[in-house]
């Protein structure tokens, strides 16, 4: 998937707006956030997402990925 940063930011802001609106309707205090906090939150979410993705992509969890690793190792052993 090629999701743009703009899409991620707009989605996060929409979610925050919906949460704030729901809290206001329920008579609760809305989330007190400013631009800096939004930037930090989005940065944190992006970092977590990138970290999980990189970790997942660099580790073989599926049976096919494990077989592919074994095949690659056998090819390397053939040419050494």
Protein backbone atom coordinates (compact mmCIF):
# COMPACT_ATOMS: atom_id res chain seq x y z
CA UNK A 1 0.00 0.00 0.00
CA UNK A 2 1.19 3.48 -0.84
CA UNK A 3 -0.63 5.69 1.61
CA UNK A 4 0.50 9.31 1.50
CA UNK A 5 1.48 11.22 4.61
CA UNK A 6 -1.33 13.67 3.88
CA UNK A 7 -3.88 10.88 4.01
CA UNK A 8 -2.53 9.65 7.34
CA UNK A 9 -2.56 13.17 8.82
CA UNK A 10 -6.08 13.95 7.57
CA UNK A 11 -7.35 10.62 8.92
CA UNK A 12 -5.76 11.20 12.33
CA UNK A 13 -7.20 14.71 12.52
CA UNK A 14 -10.64 13.42 11.53
CA UNK A 15 -10.50 10.78 14.26
CA UNK A 16 -9.48 13.41 16.84
CA UNK A 17 -12.29 15.71 15.68
CA UNK A 18 -14.83 12.89 15.95
CA UNK A 19 -13.63 11.97 19.43
CA UNK A 20 -13.83 15.62 20.53
CA UNK A 21 -17.32 15.99 19.05
CA UNK A 22 -18.51 12.81 20.76
CA UNK A 23 -17.10 13.97 24.10
CA UNK A 24 -18.80 17.36 23.70
CA UNK A 25 -22.15 15.75 22.90
CA UNK A 26 -21.82 13.53 25.99
CA UNK A 27 -21.12 16.58 28.15
CA UNK A 28 -17.47 15.69 28.75
CA UNK A 29 -14.50 18.00 28.34
CA UNK A 30 -13.00 17.77 24.85
CA UNK A 31 -9.42 16.68 24.38
CA UNK A 32 -7.22 19.74 25.02
CA UNK A 33 -4.65 19.46 22.26
CA UNK A 34 -2.63 22.01 20.35
CA UNK A 35 -0.68 21.86 17.09
CA UNK A 36 2.53 20.75 18.77
CA UNK A 37 0.79 17.85 20.49
CA UNK A 38 -0.80 16.78 17.20
CA UNK A 39 2.62 16.84 15.54
CA UNK A 40 4.11 14.75 18.35
CA UNK A 41 1.22 12.27 18.25
CA UNK A 42 1.46 11.83 14.49
CA UNK A 43 5.23 11.45 14.73
CA UNK A 44 4.80 8.79 17.41
CA UNK A 45 2.19 6.92 15.36
CA UNK A 46 4.37 7.07 12.26
CA UNK A 47 7.40 5.82 14.22
CA UNK A 48 5.43 2.95 15.74
CA UNK A 49 3.97 2.00 12.36
CA UNK A 50 7.33 2.14 10.60
CA UNK A 51 9.00 0.15 13.38
CA UNK A 52 6.37 -2.59 13.35
CA UNK A 53 6.45 -2.76 9.56
CA UNK A 54 10.27 -2.96 9.42
CA UNK A 55 10.32 -5.58 12.17
CA UNK A 56 7.66 -7.66 10.40
CA UNK A 57 9.32 -7.39 6.99
CA UNK A 58 12.74 -8.40 8.35
CA UNK A 59 11.53 -11.46 10.23
CA UNK A 60 10.10 -14.60 8.72
CA UNK A 61 6.82 -15.53 10.38
CA UNK A 62 4.89 -17.26 7.63
CA UNK A 63 5.62 -20.77 6.45
CA UNK A 64 6.39 -19.47 2.95
CA UNK A 65 8.86 -16.93 4.30
CA UNK A 66 10.64 -19.58 6.36
CA UNK A 67 10.89 -21.85 3.30
CA UNK A 68 12.23 -18.94 1.25
CA UNK A 69 14.91 -18.28 3.89
CA UNK A 70 15.92 -21.94 3.80
CA UNK A 71 16.07 -21.85 0.00
CA UNK A 72 18.20 -18.71 0.05
CA UNK A 73 20.58 -20.31 2.55
CA UNK A 74 20.89 -23.40 0.35
CA UNK A 75 21.68 -21.22 -2.68
CA UNK A 76 24.34 -19.36 -0.73
CA UNK A 77 25.88 -22.67 0.39
CA UNK A 78 25.97 -23.91 -3.22
CA UNK A 79 28.03 -20.97 -4.42
CA UNK A 80 30.47 -20.78 -1.50
